[in-house]
Amino acid sequence: MKFRPLHDRILVERVESEEVTKGGIILPDTAKEKPQQGKVIAVGNGKKTEEGKLIPLEIKAGDMILFGKYSGSEIKVEGTEYLIMKEDDVLGIVE
């Protein structure tokens, strides 16, 4: 199944964080927080202004991004968990 977000929304897959701290402590699944970093899978066409002009998104598929802790809506597509969020929820692009 193909999925394309609408307007200024993006589809993000979370990137799992490390299970071992710098000090060598192994974290169990219950102690880990959900990662705030992800890979952009798909993007919408862009946002329309009141005049009807289309403003393209700065983010493109394949970018690694940082987002807020409670950003986006969680969805499942073919058994894989994703987040859908607006471009405004993105804090930055990891280079």
N, C-alpha and C. Protein backbone atom coordinates (compact mmCIF):
# COMPACT_ATOMS: atom_id res chain seq x y z
N MET A 1 0.84 -1.18 0.00
CA MET A 1 0.00 0.00 0.00
C MET A 1 0.88 1.24 0.00
N LYS A 2 0.59 2.17 -0.85
CA LYS A 2 1.30 3.45 -0.89
C LYS A 2 0.51 4.46 -0.07
N PHE A 3 1.24 5.35 0.61
CA PHE A 3 0.60 6.36 1.46
C PHE A 3 1.29 7.69 1.22
N ARG A 4 0.49 8.72 0.93
CA ARG A 4 1.03 10.07 0.75
C ARG A 4 0.24 11.02 1.64
N PRO A 5 0.93 11.70 2.56
CA PRO A 5 0.24 12.66 3.42
C PRO A 5 -0.29 13.84 2.61
N LEU A 6 -1.30 14.49 3.13
CA LEU A 6 -1.90 15.64 2.46
C LEU A 6 -1.29 16.94 2.97
N HIS A 7 -1.32 17.96 2.13
CA HIS A 7 -0.94 19.34 2.44
C HIS A 7 0.46 19.42 3.05
N ASP A 8 0.58 19.96 4.27
CA ASP A 8 1.90 20.18 4.88
C ASP A 8 2.23 19.11 5.93
N ARG A 9 1.68 17.92 5.76
CA ARG A 9 1.95 16.84 6.71
C ARG A 9 3.07 15.94 6.18
N ILE A 10 3.75 15.26 7.13
CA ILE A 10 4.82 14.34 6.77
C ILE A 10 4.61 13.02 7.50
N LEU A 11 5.08 11.94 6.91
CA LEU A 11 5.03 10.60 7.50
C LEU A 11 6.43 10.25 7.98
N VAL A 12 6.55 9.93 9.28
CA VAL A 12 7.85 9.71 9.91
C VAL A 12 7.90 8.34 10.57
N GLU A 13 9.02 7.66 10.40
CA GLU A 13 9.28 6.41 11.11
C GLU A 13 10.32 6.70 12.19
N ARG A 14 9.98 6.36 13.44
CA ARG A 14 10.90 6.63 14.55
C ARG A 14 12.17 5.80 14.38
N VAL A 15 13.30 6.39 14.81
CA VAL A 15 14.58 5.70 14.82
C VAL A 15 14.83 5.28 16.26
N GLU A 16 15.04 3.98 16.47
CA GLU A 16 15.23 3.45 17.82
C GLU A 16 16.53 3.95 18.42
N SER A 17 16.48 4.28 19.71
CA SER A 17 17.69 4.74 20.41
C SER A 17 18.49 3.54 20.91
N GLU A 18 19.69 3.81 21.37
CA GLU A 18 20.57 2.75 21.86
C GLU A 18 20.02 2.14 23.14
N GLU A 19 20.29 0.85 23.34
CA GLU A 19 19.82 0.15 24.52
C GLU A 19 20.83 0.17 25.66
N VAL A 20 22.04 0.66 25.39
CA VAL A 20 23.10 0.71 26.40
C VAL A 20 23.53 2.16 26.58
N THR A 21 23.62 2.63 27.83
CA THR A 21 24.07 3.99 28.10
C THR A 21 25.58 4.08 27.94
N LYS A 22 26.12 5.28 28.01
CA LYS A 22 27.57 5.48 27.89
C LYS A 22 28.31 4.77 29.01
N GLY A 23 27.67 4.66 30.17
CA GLY A 23 28.29 3.99 31.30
C GLY A 23 28.20 2.47 31.24
N GLY A 24 27.53 1.92 30.22
CA GLY A 24 27.44 0.49 30.05
C GLY A 24 26.20 -0.14 30.66
N ILE A 25 25.25 0.70 31.13
CA ILE A 25 24.02 0.17 31.72
C ILE A 25 23.05 -0.17 30.60
N ILE A 26 22.52 -1.39 30.64
CA ILE A 26 21.55 -1.84 29.64
C ILE A 26 20.16 -1.42 30.10
N LEU A 27 19.44 -0.70 29.23
CA LEU A 27 18.11 -0.22 29.56
C LEU A 27 17.04 -1.21 29.11
N PRO A 28 16.14 -1.60 30.01
CA PRO A 28 15.02 -2.46 29.58
C PRO A 28 14.01 -1.64 28.78
N ASP A 29 13.15 -2.33 28.03
CA ASP A 29 12.16 -1.64 27.20
C ASP A 29 11.25 -0.73 28.01
N THR A 30 10.93 -1.10 29.25
CA THR A 30 10.01 -0.30 30.06
C THR A 30 10.64 1.00 30.52
N ALA A 31 11.97 1.08 30.56
CA ALA A 31 12.65 2.29 31.04
C ALA A 31 12.98 3.25 29.90
N LYS A 32 12.87 2.79 28.66
CA LYS A 32 13.23 3.63 27.53
C LYS A 32 12.10 4.58 27.18
N GLU A 33 12.47 5.81 26.82
CA GLU A 33 11.49 6.75 26.29
C GLU A 33 11.41 6.56 24.78
N LYS A 34 10.29 6.98 24.21
CA LYS A 34 10.17 6.89 22.76
C LYS A 34 11.15 7.88 22.14
N PRO A 35 11.83 7.48 21.08
CA PRO A 35 12.81 8.37 20.45
C PRO A 35 12.15 9.60 19.85
N GLN A 36 12.87 10.70 19.86
CA GLN A 36 12.39 11.95 19.28
C GLN A 36 13.10 12.25 17.98
N GLN A 37 13.63 11.22 17.37
CA GLN A 37 14.32 11.35 16.09
C GLN A 37 13.69 10.35 15.14
N GLY A 38 13.58 10.73 13.88
CA GLY A 38 12.98 9.82 12.92
C GLY A 38 13.41 10.10 11.50
N LYS A 39 13.04 9.17 10.62
CA LYS A 39 13.34 9.29 9.20
C LYS A 39 12.04 9.61 8.47
N VAL A 40 12.07 10.60 7.62
CA VAL A 40 10.89 11.01 6.85
C VAL A 40 10.69 10.00 5.73
N ILE A 41 9.50 9.40 5.69
CA ILE A 41 9.16 8.40 4.69
C ILE A 41 8.46 9.03 3.50
N ALA A 42 7.52 9.94 3.77
CA ALA A 42 6.77 10.60 2.69
C ALA A 42 6.37 12.00 3.14
N VAL A 43 6.19 12.90 2.18
CA VAL A 43 5.77 14.27 2.48
C VAL A 43 4.60 14.65 1.58
N GLY A 44 3.81 15.60 2.07
CA GLY A 44 2.69 16.12 1.28
C GLY A 44 3.19 17.12 0.23
N ASN A 45 2.25 17.68 -0.53
CA ASN A 45 2.61 18.61 -1.60
C ASN A 45 3.04 19.97 -1.09
N GLY A 46 2.49 20.40 0.04
CA GLY A 46 2.83 21.71 0.59
C GLY A 46 1.59 22.43 1.10
N LYS A 47 1.83 23.60 1.65
CA LYS A 47 0.75 24.39 2.25
C LYS A 47 0.27 25.43 1.25
N LYS A 48 -1.04 25.65 1.21
CA LYS A 48 -1.59 26.67 0.32
C LYS A 48 -1.84 27.95 1.10
N THR A 49 -1.51 29.08 0.48
CA THR A 49 -1.77 30.38 1.09
C THR A 49 -3.22 30.77 0.83
N GLU A 50 -3.64 31.88 1.41
CA GLU A 50 -5.01 32.35 1.19
C GLU A 50 -5.25 32.73 -0.26
N GLU A 51 -4.18 33.12 -0.96
CA GLU A 51 -4.30 33.47 -2.38
C GLU A 51 -4.30 32.25 -3.29
N GLY A 52 -4.06 31.06 -2.72
CA GLY A 52 -4.06 29.83 -3.50
C GLY A 52 -2.69 29.39 -3.98
N LYS A 53 -1.63 30.12 -3.60
CA LYS A 53 -0.27 29.71 -3.98
C LYS A 53 0.17 28.51 -3.14
N LEU A 54 0.89 27.61 -3.75
CA LEU A 54 1.39 26.43 -3.06
C LEU A 54 2.81 26.69 -2.58
N ILE A 55 3.02 26.56 -1.27
CA ILE A 55 4.35 26.72 -0.67
C ILE A 55 4.90 25.32 -0.43
N PRO A 56 5.96 24.91 -1.16
CA PRO A 56 6.50 23.55 -0.98
C PRO A 56 7.16 23.40 0.38
N LEU A 57 7.25 22.15 0.85
CA LEU A 57 7.87 21.86 2.14
C LEU A 57 9.39 21.88 2.02
N GLU A 58 10.07 22.28 3.11
CA GLU A 58 11.54 22.24 3.14
C GLU A 58 12.04 20.82 3.37
N ILE A 59 11.24 20.01 4.04
CA ILE A 59 11.61 18.64 4.38
C ILE A 59 11.28 17.74 3.20
N LYS A 60 12.17 16.78 2.94
CA LYS A 60 11.91 15.84 1.86
C LYS A 60 12.08 14.41 2.37
N ALA A 61 11.57 13.46 1.64
CA ALA A 61 11.67 12.05 2.02
C ALA A 61 13.14 11.66 2.15
N GLY A 62 13.45 10.91 3.22
CA GLY A 62 14.82 10.48 3.47
C GLY A 62 15.55 11.33 4.49
N ASP A 63 15.03 12.51 4.83
CA ASP A 63 15.67 13.37 5.83
C ASP A 63 15.54 12.76 7.22
N MET A 64 16.57 12.95 8.05
CA MET A 64 16.51 12.59 9.46
C MET A 64 16.13 13.85 10.21
N ILE A 65 15.08 13.76 11.05
CA ILE A 65 14.57 14.96 11.73
C ILE A 65 14.49 14.74 13.24
N LEU A 66 14.41 15.84 13.96
CA LEU A 66 14.11 15.85 15.38
C LEU A 66 12.75 16.48 15.55
N PHE A 67 11.94 15.91 16.45
CA PHE A 67 10.60 16.45 16.68
C PHE A 67 10.31 16.43 18.17
N GLY A 68 9.26 17.15 18.58
CA GLY A 68 8.89 17.25 19.97
C GLY A 68 8.39 15.92 20.54
N LYS A 69 8.45 15.82 21.86
CA LYS A 69 8.10 14.58 22.55
C LYS A 69 6.66 14.12 22.27
N TYR A 70 5.74 15.06 22.21
CA TYR A 70 4.33 14.71 22.01
C TYR A 70 3.81 15.13 20.63
N SER A 71 4.69 15.23 19.67
CA SER A 71 4.30 15.67 18.32
C SER A 71 3.67 14.53 17.53
N GLY A 72 2.75 14.90 16.67
CA GLY A 72 2.19 13.96 15.71
C GLY A 72 1.16 13.00 16.25
N SER A 73 0.60 12.24 15.34
CA SER A 73 -0.39 11.21 15.64
C SER A 73 0.18 9.87 15.20
N GLU A 74 0.09 8.88 16.09
CA GLU A 74 0.62 7.55 15.78
C GLU A 74 -0.38 6.77 14.94
N ILE A 75 0.13 6.12 13.87
CA ILE A 75 -0.71 5.27 13.03
C ILE A 75 0.06 4.00 12.71
N LYS A 76 -0.66 2.98 12.25
CA LYS A 76 -0.04 1.74 11.79
C LYS A 76 -0.43 1.53 10.33
N VAL A 77 0.58 1.29 9.49
CA VAL A 77 0.35 1.00 8.08
C VAL A 77 1.04 -0.32 7.81
N GLU A 78 0.27 -1.33 7.45
CA GLU A 78 0.78 -2.67 7.16
C GLU A 78 1.68 -3.19 8.29
N GLY A 79 1.27 -2.97 9.53
CA GLY A 79 1.97 -3.50 10.69
C GLY A 79 3.16 -2.68 11.17
N THR A 80 3.50 -1.60 10.49
CA THR A 80 4.61 -0.74 10.90
C THR A 80 4.06 0.53 11.51
N GLU A 81 4.64 0.95 12.66
CA GLU A 81 4.18 2.17 13.32
C GLU A 81 4.86 3.40 12.73
N TYR A 82 4.06 4.42 12.46
CA TYR A 82 4.54 5.68 11.92
C TYR A 82 3.92 6.83 12.71
N LEU A 83 4.44 8.02 12.48
CA LEU A 83 3.87 9.25 13.00
C LEU A 83 3.49 10.12 11.82
N ILE A 84 2.34 10.78 11.92
CA ILE A 84 1.97 11.81 10.95
C ILE A 84 1.98 13.12 11.71
N MET A 85 2.72 14.09 11.17
CA MET A 85 2.79 15.39 11.84
C MET A 85 2.90 16.48 10.80
N LYS A 86 2.61 17.70 11.24
CA LYS A 86 2.77 18.85 10.37
C LYS A 86 4.22 19.26 10.34
N GLU A 87 4.61 19.95 9.29
CA GLU A 87 5.99 20.41 9.17
C GLU A 87 6.35 21.34 10.33
N ASP A 88 5.39 22.07 10.86
CA ASP A 88 5.64 23.00 11.97
C ASP A 88 6.07 22.27 13.23
N ASP A 89 5.75 20.97 13.39
CA ASP A 89 6.12 20.20 14.58
C ASP A 89 7.59 19.76 14.56
N VAL A 90 8.24 19.89 13.41
CA VAL A 90 9.64 19.47 13.28
C VAL A 90 10.53 20.53 13.89
N LEU A 91 11.45 20.08 14.76
CA LEU A 91 12.38 21.00 15.42
C LEU A 91 13.61 21.28 14.57
N GLY A 92 14.04 20.29 13.79
CA GLY A 92 15.22 20.49 12.95
C GLY A 92 15.55 19.26 12.14
N ILE A 93 16.45 19.45 11.17
CA ILE A 93 16.92 18.37 10.31
C ILE A 93 18.32 17.99 10.76
N VAL A 94 18.55 16.70 10.96
CA VAL A 94 19.87 16.20 11.38
C VAL A 94 20.71 15.98 10.13
N GLU A 95 21.89 16.60 10.10
CA GLU A 95 22.77 16.45 8.92
C GLU A 95 23.98 15.63 9.26
